[in-house]
ModelCIF file with pLDDT and N, C-alpha, C, O atoms, coordinates in Angstrom:
data_MODEL
#
_entry.id   MODEL 
#
_entity.id                         1 
_entity.type                       polymer 
_entity.pdbx_number_of_molecules   1 
#
_entity_poly.entity_id                      1 
_entity_poly.type                           'polypeptide(L)' 
_entity_poly.nstd_linkage                   no 
_entity_poly.nstd_monomer                   no 
_entity_poly.pdbx_seq_one_letter_code       FNYIFSARFTFKKKTSVKNGFGFGAAHLFNYLLQITLLHVFLWLGV 
_entity_poly.pdbx_seq_one_letter_code_can   FNYIFSARFTFKKKTSVKNGFGFGAAHLFNYLLQITLLHVFLWLGV 
_entity_poly.pdbx_strand_id                 A 
#
loop_
_entity_poly_seq.entity_id 
_entity_poly_seq.num 
_entity_poly_seq.mon_id 
_entity_poly_seq.hetero 
1 1  PHE n 
1 2  ASN n 
1 3  TYR n 
1 4  ILE n 
1 5  PHE n 
1 6  SER n 
1 7  ALA n 
1 8  ARG n 
1 9  PHE n 
1 10 THR n 
1 11 PHE n 
1 12 LYS n 
1 13 LYS n 
1 14 LYS n 
1 15 THR n 
1 16 SER n 
1 17 VAL n 
1 18 LYS n 
1 19 ASN n 
1 20 GLY n 
1 21 PHE n 
1 22 GLY n 
1 23 PHE n 
1 24 GLY n 
1 25 ALA n 
1 26 ALA n 
1 27 HIS n 
1 28 LEU n 
1 29 PHE n 
1 30 ASN n 
1 31 TYR n 
1 32 LEU n 
1 33 LEU n 
1 34 GLN n 
1 35 ILE n 
1 36 THR n 
1 37 LEU n 
1 38 LEU n 
1 39 HIS n 
1 40 VAL n 
1 41 PHE n 
1 42 LEU n 
1 43 TRP n 
1 44 LEU n 
1 45 GLY n 
1 46 VAL n 
#
_struct_asym.id          A 
_struct_asym.entity_id   1 
#
loop_
_ma_qa_metric.id 
_ma_qa_metric.mode 
_ma_qa_metric.name 
_ma_qa_metric.software_group_id 
_ma_qa_metric.type 
1 global pLDDT . pLDDT 
2 local  pLDDT . pLDDT 
#
_ma_qa_metric_global.metric_id      1 
_ma_qa_metric_global.metric_value   90.20 
_ma_qa_metric_global.model_id       1 
_ma_qa_metric_global.ordinal_id     1 
#
loop_
_ma_qa_metric_local.label_asym_id 
_ma_qa_metric_local.label_comp_id 
_ma_qa_metric_local.label_seq_id 
_ma_qa_metric_local.metric_id 
_ma_qa_metric_local.metric_value 
_ma_qa_metric_local.model_id 
_ma_qa_metric_local.ordinal_id 
A PHE 1  2 95.00 1 1  
A ASN 2  2 92.00 1 2  
A TYR 3  2 92.00 1 3  
A ILE 4  2 93.00 1 4  
A PHE 5  2 93.00 1 5  
A SER 6  2 88.00 1 6  
A ALA 7  2 89.00 1 7  
A ARG 8  2 91.00 1 8  
A PHE 9  2 90.00 1 9  
A THR 10 2 86.00 1 10 
A PHE 11 2 84.00 1 11 
A LYS 12 2 84.00 1 12 
A LYS 13 2 84.00 1 13 
A LYS 14 2 86.00 1 14 
A THR 15 2 85.00 1 15 
A SER 16 2 87.00 1 16 
A VAL 17 2 88.00 1 17 
A LYS 18 2 86.00 1 18 
A ASN 19 2 84.00 1 19 
A GLY 20 2 87.00 1 20 
A PHE 21 2 88.00 1 21 
A GLY 22 2 86.00 1 22 
A PHE 23 2 85.00 1 23 
A GLY 24 2 89.00 1 24 
A ALA 25 2 88.00 1 25 
A ALA 26 2 86.00 1 26 
A HIS 27 2 85.00 1 27 
A LEU 28 2 91.00 1 28 
A PHE 29 2 90.00 1 29 
A ASN 30 2 88.00 1 30 
A TYR 31 2 90.00 1 31 
A LEU 32 2 93.00 1 32 
A LEU 33 2 93.00 1 33 
A GLN 34 2 91.00 1 34 
A ILE 35 2 93.00 1 35 
A THR 36 2 95.00 1 36 
A LEU 37 2 95.00 1 37 
A LEU 38 2 94.00 1 38 
A HIS 39 2 94.00 1 39 
A VAL 40 2 96.00 1 40 
A PHE 41 2 96.00 1 41 
A LEU 42 2 95.00 1 42 
A TRP 43 2 96.00 1 43 
A LEU 44 2 96.00 1 44 
A GLY 45 2 96.00 1 45 
A VAL 46 2 96.00 1 46 
#
loop_
_atom_site.group_PDB 
_atom_site.id 
_atom_site.type_symbol 
_atom_site.label_atom_id 
_atom_site.label_alt_id 
_atom_site.label_comp_id 
_atom_site.label_asym_id 
_atom_site.label_entity_id 
_atom_site.label_seq_id 
_atom_site.pdbx_PDB_ins_code 
_atom_site.Cartn_x 
_atom_site.Cartn_y 
_atom_site.Cartn_z 
_atom_site.occupancy 
_atom_site.B_iso_or_equiv 
_atom_site.pdbx_formal_charge 
_atom_site.auth_seq_id 
_atom_site.auth_comp_id 
_atom_site.auth_asym_id 
_atom_site.auth_atom_id 
_atom_site.pdbx_PDB_model_num 
ATOM 1   N N  . PHE A 1 1  ? -0.772 4.646  0.791   1.00 95.00 ? 1  PHE A N  1 
ATOM 2   C CA . PHE A 1 1  ? -1.219 6.034  0.635   1.00 95.00 ? 1  PHE A CA 1 
ATOM 3   C C  . PHE A 1 1  ? -0.012 6.977  0.580   1.00 95.00 ? 1  PHE A C  1 
ATOM 4   O O  . PHE A 1 1  ? 0.081  7.845  -0.289  1.00 95.00 ? 1  PHE A O  1 
ATOM 5   N N  . ASN A 1 2  ? 0.903  6.784  1.523   1.00 92.00 ? 2  ASN A N  1 
ATOM 6   C CA . ASN A 1 2  ? 2.066  7.656  1.666   1.00 92.00 ? 2  ASN A CA 1 
ATOM 7   C C  . ASN A 1 2  ? 2.955  7.613  0.427   1.00 92.00 ? 2  ASN A C  1 
ATOM 8   O O  . ASN A 1 2  ? 3.431  8.656  -0.022  1.00 92.00 ? 2  ASN A O  1 
ATOM 9   N N  . TYR A 1 3  ? 3.184  6.436  -0.129  1.00 92.00 ? 3  TYR A N  1 
ATOM 10  C CA . TYR A 1 3  ? 4.048  6.326  -1.312  1.00 92.00 ? 3  TYR A CA 1 
ATOM 11  C C  . TYR A 1 3  ? 3.462  7.092  -2.492  1.00 92.00 ? 3  TYR A C  1 
ATOM 12  O O  . TYR A 1 3  ? 4.154  7.886  -3.129  1.00 92.00 ? 3  TYR A O  1 
ATOM 13  N N  . ILE A 1 4  ? 2.208  6.856  -2.775  1.00 93.00 ? 4  ILE A N  1 
ATOM 14  C CA . ILE A 1 4  ? 1.582  7.508  -3.933  1.00 93.00 ? 4  ILE A CA 1 
ATOM 15  C C  . ILE A 1 4  ? 1.588  9.027  -3.770  1.00 93.00 ? 4  ILE A C  1 
ATOM 16  O O  . ILE A 1 4  ? 1.940  9.746  -4.705  1.00 93.00 ? 4  ILE A O  1 
ATOM 17  N N  . PHE A 1 5  ? 1.201  9.519  -2.596  1.00 93.00 ? 5  PHE A N  1 
ATOM 18  C CA . PHE A 1 5  ? 1.123  10.963 -2.401  1.00 93.00 ? 5  PHE A CA 1 
ATOM 19  C C  . PHE A 1 5  ? 2.496  11.603 -2.199  1.00 93.00 ? 5  PHE A C  1 
ATOM 20  O O  . PHE A 1 5  ? 2.693  12.760 -2.572  1.00 93.00 ? 5  PHE A O  1 
ATOM 21  N N  . SER A 1 6  ? 3.441  10.879 -1.621  1.00 88.00 ? 6  SER A N  1 
ATOM 22  C CA . SER A 1 6  ? 4.798  11.423 -1.495  1.00 88.00 ? 6  SER A CA 1 
ATOM 23  C C  . SER A 1 6  ? 5.426  11.603 -2.870  1.00 88.00 ? 6  SER A C  1 
ATOM 24  O O  . SER A 1 6  ? 6.040  12.632 -3.153  1.00 88.00 ? 6  SER A O  1 
ATOM 25  N N  . ALA A 1 7  ? 5.269  10.601 -3.716  1.00 89.00 ? 7  ALA A N  1 
ATOM 26  C CA . ALA A 1 7  ? 5.843  10.687 -5.059  1.00 89.00 ? 7  ALA A CA 1 
ATOM 27  C C  . ALA A 1 7  ? 5.201  11.820 -5.854  1.00 89.00 ? 7  ALA A C  1 
ATOM 28  O O  . ALA A 1 7  ? 5.890  12.707 -6.358  1.00 89.00 ? 7  ALA A O  1 
ATOM 29  N N  . ARG A 1 8  ? 3.907  11.782 -5.957  1.00 91.00 ? 8  ARG A N  1 
ATOM 30  C CA . ARG A 1 8  ? 3.216  12.702 -6.867  1.00 91.00 ? 8  ARG A CA 1 
ATOM 31  C C  . ARG A 1 8  ? 3.031  14.109 -6.320  1.00 91.00 ? 8  ARG A C  1 
ATOM 32  O O  . ARG A 1 8  ? 3.170  15.082 -7.060  1.00 91.00 ? 8  ARG A O  1 
ATOM 33  N N  . PHE A 1 9  ? 2.725  14.227 -5.049  1.00 90.00 ? 9  PHE A N  1 
ATOM 34  C CA . PHE A 1 9  ? 2.428  15.540 -4.473  1.00 90.00 ? 9  PHE A CA 1 
ATOM 35  C C  . PHE A 1 9  ? 3.652  16.173 -3.811  1.00 90.00 ? 9  PHE A C  1 
ATOM 36  O O  . PHE A 1 9  ? 3.982  17.324 -4.094  1.00 90.00 ? 9  PHE A O  1 
ATOM 37  N N  . THR A 1 10 ? 4.317  15.437 -2.943  1.00 86.00 ? 10 THR A N  1 
ATOM 38  C CA . THR A 1 10 ? 5.419  16.025 -2.178  1.00 86.00 ? 10 THR A CA 1 
ATOM 39  C C  . THR A 1 10 ? 6.632  16.307 -3.055  1.00 86.00 ? 10 THR A C  1 
ATOM 40  O O  . THR A 1 10 ? 7.144  17.427 -3.076  1.00 86.00 ? 10 THR A O  1 
ATOM 41  N N  . PHE A 1 11 ? 7.093  15.278 -3.786  1.00 84.00 ? 11 PHE A N  1 
ATOM 42  C CA . PHE A 1 11 ? 8.340  15.415 -4.532  1.00 84.00 ? 11 PHE A CA 1 
ATOM 43  C C  . PHE A 1 11 ? 8.136  15.590 -6.031  1.00 84.00 ? 11 PHE A C  1 
ATOM 44  O O  . PHE A 1 11 ? 9.102  15.729 -6.781  1.00 84.00 ? 11 PHE A O  1 
ATOM 45  N N  . LYS A 1 12 ? 6.865  15.583 -6.474  1.00 84.00 ? 12 LYS A N  1 
ATOM 46  C CA . LYS A 1 12 ? 6.500  15.829 -7.867  1.00 84.00 ? 12 LYS A CA 1 
ATOM 47  C C  . LYS A 1 12 ? 7.243  14.893 -8.822  1.00 84.00 ? 12 LYS A C  1 
ATOM 48  O O  . LYS A 1 12 ? 7.791  15.327 -9.835  1.00 84.00 ? 12 LYS A O  1 
ATOM 49  N N  . LYS A 1 13 ? 7.249  13.612 -8.483  1.00 84.00 ? 13 LYS A N  1 
ATOM 50  C CA . LYS A 1 13 ? 7.902  12.580 -9.285  1.00 84.00 ? 13 LYS A CA 1 
ATOM 51  C C  . LYS A 1 13 ? 6.870  11.535 -9.678  1.00 84.00 ? 13 LYS A C  1 
ATOM 52  O O  . LYS A 1 13 ? 5.830  11.390 -9.034  1.00 84.00 ? 13 LYS A O  1 
ATOM 53  N N  . LYS A 1 14 ? 7.177  10.814 -10.743 1.00 86.00 ? 14 LYS A N  1 
ATOM 54  C CA . LYS A 1 14 ? 6.348  9.676  -11.106 1.00 86.00 ? 14 LYS A CA 1 
ATOM 55  C C  . LYS A 1 14 ? 6.750  8.500  -10.231 1.00 86.00 ? 14 LYS A C  1 
ATOM 56  O O  . LYS A 1 14 ? 7.902  8.376  -9.817  1.00 86.00 ? 14 LYS A O  1 
ATOM 57  N N  . THR A 1 15 ? 5.785  7.648  -9.962  1.00 85.00 ? 15 THR A N  1 
ATOM 58  C CA . THR A 1 15 ? 6.126  6.427  -9.237  1.00 85.00 ? 15 THR A CA 1 
ATOM 59  C C  . THR A 1 15 ? 6.889  5.521  -10.190 1.00 85.00 ? 15 THR A C  1 
ATOM 60  O O  . THR A 1 15 ? 6.577  5.452  -11.379 1.00 85.00 ? 15 THR A O  1 
ATOM 61  N N  . SER A 1 16 ? 7.892  4.827  -9.660  1.00 87.00 ? 16 SER A N  1 
ATOM 62  C CA . SER A 1 16 ? 8.694  3.921  -10.474 1.00 87.00 ? 16 SER A CA 1 
ATOM 63  C C  . SER A 1 16 ? 9.166  2.766  -9.608  1.00 87.00 ? 16 SER A C  1 
ATOM 64  O O  . SER A 1 16 ? 9.055  2.803  -8.382  1.00 87.00 ? 16 SER A O  1 
ATOM 65  N N  . VAL A 1 17 ? 9.686  1.755  -10.256 1.00 88.00 ? 17 VAL A N  1 
ATOM 66  C CA . VAL A 1 17 ? 10.227 0.618  -9.518  1.00 88.00 ? 17 VAL A CA 1 
ATOM 67  C C  . VAL A 1 17 ? 11.389 1.081  -8.647  1.00 88.00 ? 17 VAL A C  1 
ATOM 68  O O  . VAL A 1 17 ? 11.504 0.664  -7.495  1.00 88.00 ? 17 VAL A O  1 
ATOM 69  N N  . LYS A 1 18 ? 12.256 1.946  -9.193  1.00 86.00 ? 18 LYS A N  1 
ATOM 70  C CA . LYS A 1 18 ? 13.425 2.413  -8.432  1.00 86.00 ? 18 LYS A CA 1 
ATOM 71  C C  . LYS A 1 18 ? 13.027 3.195  -7.193  1.00 86.00 ? 18 LYS A C  1 
ATOM 72  O O  . LYS A 1 18 ? 13.462 2.878  -6.086  1.00 86.00 ? 18 LYS A O  1 
ATOM 73  N N  . ASN A 1 19 ? 12.191 4.228  -7.379  1.00 84.00 ? 19 ASN A N  1 
ATOM 74  C CA . ASN A 1 19 ? 11.858 5.011  -6.188  1.00 84.00 ? 19 ASN A CA 1 
ATOM 75  C C  . ASN A 1 19 ? 10.901 4.242  -5.281  1.00 84.00 ? 19 ASN A C  1 
ATOM 76  O O  . ASN A 1 19 ? 10.862 4.489  -4.076  1.00 84.00 ? 19 ASN A O  1 
ATOM 77  N N  . GLY A 1 20 ? 10.132 3.315  -5.844  1.00 87.00 ? 20 GLY A N  1 
ATOM 78  C CA . GLY A 1 20 ? 9.282  2.465  -5.011  1.00 87.00 ? 20 GLY A CA 1 
ATOM 79  C C  . GLY A 1 20 ? 10.114 1.551  -4.121  1.00 87.00 ? 20 GLY A C  1 
ATOM 80  O O  . GLY A 1 20 ? 9.808  1.365  -2.944  1.00 87.00 ? 20 GLY A O  1 
ATOM 81  N N  . PHE A 1 21 ? 11.169 0.986  -4.695  1.00 88.00 ? 21 PHE A N  1 
ATOM 82  C CA . PHE A 1 21 ? 12.065 0.134  -3.913  1.00 88.00 ? 21 PHE A CA 1 
ATOM 83  C C  . PHE A 1 21 ? 12.770 0.958  -2.834  1.00 88.00 ? 21 PHE A C  1 
ATOM 84  O O  . PHE A 1 21 ? 12.853 0.542  -1.679  1.00 88.00 ? 21 PHE A O  1 
ATOM 85  N N  . GLY A 1 22 ? 13.275 2.126  -3.221  1.00 86.00 ? 22 GLY A N  1 
ATOM 86  C CA . GLY A 1 22 ? 13.941 3.009  -2.252  1.00 86.00 ? 22 GLY A CA 1 
ATOM 87  C C  . GLY A 1 22 ? 13.000 3.470  -1.156  1.00 86.00 ? 22 GLY A C  1 
ATOM 88  O O  . GLY A 1 22 ? 13.366 3.500  0.019   1.00 86.00 ? 22 GLY A O  1 
ATOM 89  N N  . PHE A 1 23 ? 11.778 3.830  -1.547  1.00 85.00 ? 23 PHE A N  1 
ATOM 90  C CA . PHE A 1 23 ? 10.764 4.249  -0.575  1.00 85.00 ? 23 PHE A CA 1 
ATOM 91  C C  . PHE A 1 23 ? 10.455 3.094  0.374   1.00 85.00 ? 23 PHE A C  1 
ATOM 92  O O  . PHE A 1 23 ? 10.341 3.285  1.585   1.00 85.00 ? 23 PHE A O  1 
ATOM 93  N N  . GLY A 1 24 ? 10.320 1.891  -0.194  1.00 89.00 ? 24 GLY A N  1 
ATOM 94  C CA . GLY A 1 24 ? 10.058 0.710  0.626   1.00 89.00 ? 24 GLY A CA 1 
ATOM 95  C C  . GLY A 1 24 ? 11.188 0.438  1.605   1.00 89.00 ? 24 GLY A C  1 
ATOM 96  O O  . GLY A 1 24 ? 10.944 0.103  2.764   1.00 89.00 ? 24 GLY A O  1 
ATOM 97  N N  . ALA A 1 25 ? 12.428 0.581  1.142   1.00 88.00 ? 25 ALA A N  1 
ATOM 98  C CA . ALA A 1 25 ? 13.580 0.365  2.025   1.00 88.00 ? 25 ALA A CA 1 
ATOM 99  C C  . ALA A 1 25 ? 13.619 1.411  3.136   1.00 88.00 ? 25 ALA A C  1 
ATOM 100 O O  . ALA A 1 25 ? 13.880 1.087  4.295   1.00 88.00 ? 25 ALA A O  1 
ATOM 101 N N  . ALA A 1 26 ? 13.357 2.662  2.777   1.00 86.00 ? 26 ALA A N  1 
ATOM 102 C CA . ALA A 1 26 ? 13.320 3.719  3.794   1.00 86.00 ? 26 ALA A CA 1 
ATOM 103 C C  . ALA A 1 26 ? 12.220 3.437  4.810   1.00 86.00 ? 26 ALA A C  1 
ATOM 104 O O  . ALA A 1 26 ? 12.400 3.647  6.009   1.00 86.00 ? 26 ALA A O  1 
ATOM 105 N N  . HIS A 1 27 ? 11.086 2.964  4.321   1.00 85.00 ? 27 HIS A N  1 
ATOM 106 C CA . HIS A 1 27 ? 9.974  2.681  5.228   1.00 85.00 ? 27 HIS A CA 1 
ATOM 107 C C  . HIS A 1 27 ? 10.165 1.394  6.016   1.00 85.00 ? 27 HIS A C  1 
ATOM 108 O O  . HIS A 1 27 ? 9.609  1.250  7.105   1.00 85.00 ? 27 HIS A O  1 
ATOM 109 N N  . LEU A 1 28 ? 10.935 0.464  5.487   1.00 91.00 ? 28 LEU A N  1 
ATOM 110 C CA . LEU A 1 28 ? 11.267 -0.714 6.286   1.00 91.00 ? 28 LEU A CA 1 
ATOM 111 C C  . LEU A 1 28 ? 12.070 -0.276 7.508   1.00 91.00 ? 28 LEU A C  1 
ATOM 112 O O  . LEU A 1 28 ? 11.790 -0.695 8.631   1.00 91.00 ? 28 LEU A O  1 
ATOM 113 N N  . PHE A 1 29 ? 13.070 0.572  7.272   1.00 90.00 ? 29 PHE A N  1 
ATOM 114 C CA . PHE A 1 29 ? 13.838 1.123  8.392   1.00 90.00 ? 29 PHE A CA 1 
ATOM 115 C C  . PHE A 1 29 ? 12.916 1.884  9.335   1.00 90.00 ? 29 PHE A C  1 
ATOM 116 O O  . PHE A 1 29 ? 12.996 1.724  10.553  1.00 90.00 ? 29 PHE A O  1 
ATOM 117 N N  . ASN A 1 30 ? 12.035 2.718  8.767   1.00 88.00 ? 30 ASN A N  1 
ATOM 118 C CA . ASN A 1 30 ? 11.109 3.517  9.567   1.00 88.00 ? 30 ASN A CA 1 
ATOM 119 C C  . ASN A 1 30 ? 10.172 2.615  10.377  1.00 88.00 ? 30 ASN A C  1 
ATOM 120 O O  . ASN A 1 30 ? 9.926  2.874  11.555  1.00 88.00 ? 30 ASN A O  1 
ATOM 121 N N  . TYR A 1 31 ? 9.651  1.560  9.746   1.00 90.00 ? 31 TYR A N  1 
ATOM 122 C CA . TYR A 1 31 ? 8.763  0.633  10.461  1.00 90.00 ? 31 TYR A CA 1 
ATOM 123 C C  . TYR A 1 31 ? 9.504  -0.025 11.625  1.00 90.00 ? 31 TYR A C  1 
ATOM 124 O O  . TYR A 1 31 ? 8.975  -0.100 12.734  1.00 90.00 ? 31 TYR A O  1 
ATOM 125 N N  . LEU A 1 32 ? 10.717 -0.497 11.379  1.00 93.00 ? 32 LEU A N  1 
ATOM 126 C CA . LEU A 1 32 ? 11.488 -1.142 12.448  1.00 93.00 ? 32 LEU A CA 1 
ATOM 127 C C  . LEU A 1 32 ? 11.762 -0.170 13.590  1.00 93.00 ? 32 LEU A C  1 
ATOM 128 O O  . LEU A 1 32 ? 11.696 -0.542 14.761  1.00 93.00 ? 32 LEU A O  1 
ATOM 129 N N  . LEU A 1 33 ? 12.069 1.079  13.242  1.00 93.00 ? 33 LEU A N  1 
ATOM 130 C CA . LEU A 1 33 ? 12.262 2.110  14.262  1.00 93.00 ? 33 LEU A CA 1 
ATOM 131 C C  . LEU A 1 33 ? 10.963 2.314  15.052  1.00 93.00 ? 33 LEU A C  1 
ATOM 132 O O  . LEU A 1 33 ? 10.978 2.362  16.282  1.00 93.00 ? 33 LEU A O  1 
ATOM 133 N N  . GLN A 1 34 ? 9.851  2.431  14.337  1.00 91.00 ? 34 GLN A N  1 
ATOM 134 C CA . GLN A 1 34 ? 8.572  2.683  14.999  1.00 91.00 ? 34 GLN A CA 1 
ATOM 135 C C  . GLN A 1 34 ? 8.132  1.518  15.880  1.00 91.00 ? 34 GLN A C  1 
ATOM 136 O O  . GLN A 1 34 ? 7.686  1.738  17.006  1.00 91.00 ? 34 GLN A O  1 
ATOM 137 N N  . ILE A 1 35 ? 8.249  0.287  15.391  1.00 93.00 ? 35 ILE A N  1 
ATOM 138 C CA . ILE A 1 35 ? 7.785  -0.852 16.186  1.00 93.00 ? 35 ILE A CA 1 
ATOM 139 C C  . ILE A 1 35 ? 8.673  -1.035 17.418  1.00 93.00 ? 35 ILE A C  1 
ATOM 140 O O  . ILE A 1 35 ? 8.193  -1.438 18.477  1.00 93.00 ? 35 ILE A O  1 
ATOM 141 N N  . THR A 1 36 ? 9.971  -0.737 17.277  1.00 95.00 ? 36 THR A N  1 
ATOM 142 C CA . THR A 1 36 ? 10.880 -0.798 18.426  1.00 95.00 ? 36 THR A CA 1 
ATOM 143 C C  . THR A 1 36 ? 10.511 0.269  19.447  1.00 95.00 ? 36 THR A C  1 
ATOM 144 O O  . THR A 1 36 ? 10.428 -0.010 20.643  1.00 95.00 ? 36 THR A O  1 
ATOM 145 N N  . LEU A 1 37 ? 10.290 1.488  18.974  1.00 95.00 ? 37 LEU A N  1 
ATOM 146 C CA . LEU A 1 37 ? 9.902  2.568  19.884  1.00 95.00 ? 37 LEU A CA 1 
ATOM 147 C C  . LEU A 1 37 ? 8.545  2.289  20.534  1.00 95.00 ? 37 LEU A C  1 
ATOM 148 O O  . LEU A 1 37 ? 8.356  2.581  21.715  1.00 95.00 ? 37 LEU A O  1 
ATOM 149 N N  . LEU A 1 38 ? 7.605  1.731  19.781  1.00 94.00 ? 38 LEU A N  1 
ATOM 150 C CA . LEU A 1 38 ? 6.307  1.378  20.350  1.00 94.00 ? 38 LEU A CA 1 
ATOM 151 C C  . LEU A 1 38 ? 6.504  0.385  21.496  1.00 94.00 ? 38 LEU A C  1 
ATOM 152 O O  . LEU A 1 38 ? 5.915  0.525  22.568  1.00 94.00 ? 38 LEU A O  1 
ATOM 153 N N  . HIS A 1 39 ? 7.338  -0.609 21.248  1.00 94.00 ? 39 HIS A N  1 
ATOM 154 C CA . HIS A 1 39 ? 7.647  -1.606 22.279  1.00 94.00 ? 39 HIS A CA 1 
ATOM 155 C C  . HIS A 1 39 ? 8.228  -0.926 23.525  1.00 94.00 ? 39 HIS A C  1 
ATOM 156 O O  . HIS A 1 39 ? 7.829  -1.232 24.649  1.00 94.00 ? 39 HIS A O  1 
ATOM 157 N N  . VAL A 1 40 ? 9.165  -0.011 23.317  1.00 96.00 ? 40 VAL A N  1 
ATOM 158 C CA . VAL A 1 40 ? 9.807  0.698  24.433  1.00 96.00 ? 40 VAL A CA 1 
ATOM 159 C C  . VAL A 1 40 ? 8.782  1.520  25.212  1.00 96.00 ? 40 VAL A C  1 
ATOM 160 O O  . VAL A 1 40 ? 8.748  1.459  26.441  1.00 96.00 ? 40 VAL A O  1 
ATOM 161 N N  . PHE A 1 41 ? 7.957  2.280  24.518  1.00 96.00 ? 41 PHE A N  1 
ATOM 162 C CA . PHE A 1 41 ? 6.984  3.131  25.214  1.00 96.00 ? 41 PHE A CA 1 
ATOM 163 C C  . PHE A 1 41 ? 5.937  2.300  25.958  1.00 96.00 ? 41 PHE A C  1 
ATOM 164 O O  . PHE A 1 41 ? 5.521  2.663  27.058  1.00 96.00 ? 41 PHE A O  1 
ATOM 165 N N  . LEU A 1 42 ? 5.513  1.188  25.359  1.00 95.00 ? 42 LEU A N  1 
ATOM 166 C CA . LEU A 1 42 ? 4.583  0.307  26.074  1.00 95.00 ? 42 LEU A CA 1 
ATOM 167 C C  . LEU A 1 42 ? 5.253  -0.288 27.307  1.00 95.00 ? 42 LEU A C  1 
ATOM 168 O O  . LEU A 1 42 ? 4.631  -0.384 28.364  1.00 95.00 ? 42 LEU A O  1 
ATOM 169 N N  . TRP A 1 43 ? 6.515  -0.688 27.179  1.00 96.00 ? 43 TRP A N  1 
ATOM 170 C CA . TRP A 1 43 ? 7.279  -1.238 28.295  1.00 96.00 ? 43 TRP A CA 1 
ATOM 171 C C  . TRP A 1 43 ? 7.439  -0.204 29.416  1.00 96.00 ? 43 TRP A C  1 
ATOM 172 O O  . TRP A 1 43 ? 7.434  -0.548 30.598  1.00 96.00 ? 43 TRP A O  1 
ATOM 173 N N  . LEU A 1 44 ? 7.582  1.071  29.022  1.00 96.00 ? 44 LEU A N  1 
ATOM 174 C CA . LEU A 1 44 ? 7.715  2.145  30.009  1.00 96.00 ? 44 LEU A CA 1 
ATOM 175 C C  . LEU A 1 44 ? 6.382  2.484  30.684  1.00 96.00 ? 44 LEU A C  1 
ATOM 176 O O  . LEU A 1 44 ? 6.345  3.286  31.617  1.00 96.00 ? 44 LEU A O  1 
ATOM 177 N N  . GLY A 1 45 ? 5.298  1.877  30.215  1.00 96.00 ? 45 GLY A N  1 
ATOM 178 C CA . GLY A 1 45 ? 4.012  2.085  30.852  1.00 96.00 ? 45 GLY A CA 1 
ATOM 179 C C  . GLY A 1 45 ? 3.100  3.095  30.182  1.00 96.00 ? 45 GLY A C  1 
ATOM 180 O O  . GLY A 1 45 ? 2.051  3.440  30.724  1.00 96.00 ? 45 GLY A O  1 
ATOM 181 N N  . VAL A 1 46 ? 3.488  3.572  29.010  1.00 96.00 ? 46 VAL A N  1 
ATOM 182 C CA . VAL A 1 46 ? 2.614  4.493  28.274  1.00 96.00 ? 46 VAL A CA 1 
ATOM 183 C C  . VAL A 1 46 ? 1.395  3.695  27.817  1.00 96.00 ? 46 VAL A C  1 
ATOM 184 O O  . VAL A 1 46 ? 0.502  4.245  27.171  1.00 96.00 ? 46 VAL A O  1 
#
């Protein structure tokens, strides 16, 4: 959902292999950050 709407609505760009790959790489980093933080917050007792 985020890729399609970020490309077309947020940044007014067409979806492409290049920006799809870049978006995927950015989100891989983001996912790893999020899953690590989730682990930390659960460990802290949240």
